[in-house]
C-alpha atoms as a PDB file:
ATOM      1  CA  MET A   1     167.510 109.180 235.809  1.00  0.00           C
ATOM      2  CA  ALA A   2     169.066 111.403 238.876  1.00  0.00           C
ATOM      3  CA  ILE A   3     167.207 111.635 242.154  1.00  0.00           C
ATOM      4  CA  LYS A   4     167.761 114.791 244.389  1.00  0.00           C
ATOM      5  CA  ILE A   5     167.829 113.751 248.243  1.00  0.00           C
ATOM      6  CA  SER A   6     166.428 116.371 250.014  1.00  0.00           C
ATOM      7  CA  LYS A   7     166.929 114.774 253.363  1.00  0.00           C
ATOM      8  CA  LYS A   8     170.181 113.830 255.495  1.00  0.00           C
ATOM      9  CA  ILE A   9     170.856 110.424 255.446  1.00  0.00           C
ATOM     10  CA  LYS A  10     170.843 109.259 258.960  1.00  0.00           C
ATOM     11  CA  SER A  11     171.620 105.357 258.679  1.00  0.00           C
ATOM     12  CA  TYR A  12     172.539 102.642 256.282  1.00  0.00           C
ATOM     13  CA  SER A  13     173.613  99.099 256.097  1.00  0.00           C
ATOM     14  CA  VAL A  14     175.450  97.039 253.657  1.00  0.00           C
ATOM     15  CA  GLN A  15     173.949  93.786 252.485  1.00  0.00           C
ATOM     16  CA  SER A  16     175.836  90.837 252.755  1.00  0.00           C
ATOM     17  CA  ALA A  17     175.669  87.562 250.074  1.00  0.00           C
ATOM     18  CA  ASP A  18     173.346  85.852 252.854  1.00  0.00           C
ATOM     19  CA  ASP A  19     171.072  88.794 252.724  1.00  0.00           C
ATOM     20  CA  LYS A  20     170.700  88.887 248.927  1.00  0.00           C
ATOM     21  CA  ALA A  21     170.288  84.800 248.993  1.00  0.00           C
ATOM     22  CA  ARG A  22     167.360  85.132 251.748  1.00  0.00           C
ATOM     23  CA  GLU A  23     165.535  87.991 249.639  1.00  0.00           C
ATOM     24  CA  ALA A  24     165.954  85.651 246.412  1.00  0.00           C
ATOM     25  CA  ALA A  25     164.474  82.718 248.597  1.00  0.00           C
ATOM     26  CA  GLN A  26     161.434  84.901 249.534  1.00  0.00           C
ATOM     27  CA  ALA A  27     161.178  86.177 246.103  1.00  0.00           C
ATOM     28  CA  THR A  28     160.785  82.889 244.530  1.00  0.00           C
ATOM     29  CA  ALA A  29     157.943  81.570 246.906  1.00  0.00           C
ATOM     30  CA  PRO A  30     154.869  80.482 245.189  1.00  0.00           C
ATOM     31  CA  VAL A  31     152.052  82.952 244.794  1.00  0.00           C
ATOM     32  CA  VAL A  32     148.683  81.085 245.902  1.00  0.00           C
ATOM     33  CA  ASP A  33     146.278  83.719 244.441  1.00  0.00           C
ATOM     34  CA  ALA A  34     146.367  83.866 240.723  1.00  0.00           C
ATOM     35  CA  PRO A  35     145.003  87.414 239.269  1.00  0.00           C
ATOM     36  CA  ALA A  36     141.991  87.121 237.441  1.00  0.00           C
ATOM     37  CA  ALA A  37     142.220  87.455 233.688  1.00  0.00           C
ATOM     38  CA  ARG A  38     141.901  90.784 232.297  1.00  0.00           C
ATOM     39  CA  PRO A  39     139.825  91.642 229.515  1.00  0.00           C
ATOM     40  CA  SER A  40     142.177  92.790 226.411  1.00  0.00           C
ATOM     41  CA  ALA A  41     141.930  96.098 224.838  1.00  0.00           C
ATOM     42  CA  GLU A  42     141.190  96.358 221.126  1.00  0.00           C
ATOM     43  CA  VAL A  43     144.101  98.279 219.873  1.00  0.00           C
ATOM     44  CA  ILE A  44     143.956 100.075 216.237  1.00  0.00           C
ATOM     45  CA  GLN A  45     147.081 100.681 214.749  1.00  0.00           C
ATOM     46  CA  MET A  46     147.309 104.550 213.403  1.00  0.00           C
ATOM     47  CA  HIS A  47     148.356 105.066 209.544  1.00  0.00           C
ATOM     48  CA  GLU A  48     147.959 107.869 206.789  1.00  0.00           C
ATOM     49  CA  GLN A  49     143.653 107.329 206.976  1.00  0.00           C
ATOM     50  CA  ILE A  50     143.108 106.830 210.433  1.00  0.00           C
ATOM     51  CA  GLU A  51     145.103 109.833 212.531  1.00  0.00           C
ATOM     52  CA  ARG A  52     144.288 111.792 215.639  1.00  0.00           C
ATOM     53  CA  PRO A  53     142.225 115.171 214.607  1.00  0.00           C
END
């Protein structure tokens, strides 16, 4: 999917291998807060007998 850029690009930087390794180390940091368990939704598969009106 293409994204059209409407503003001019003022500056950019090239990531080095060290930058990528540093980001990967931060991403693998342990998460202290565990998300609350979500209630699961009841899913009904549609077939010939059950269809949208």
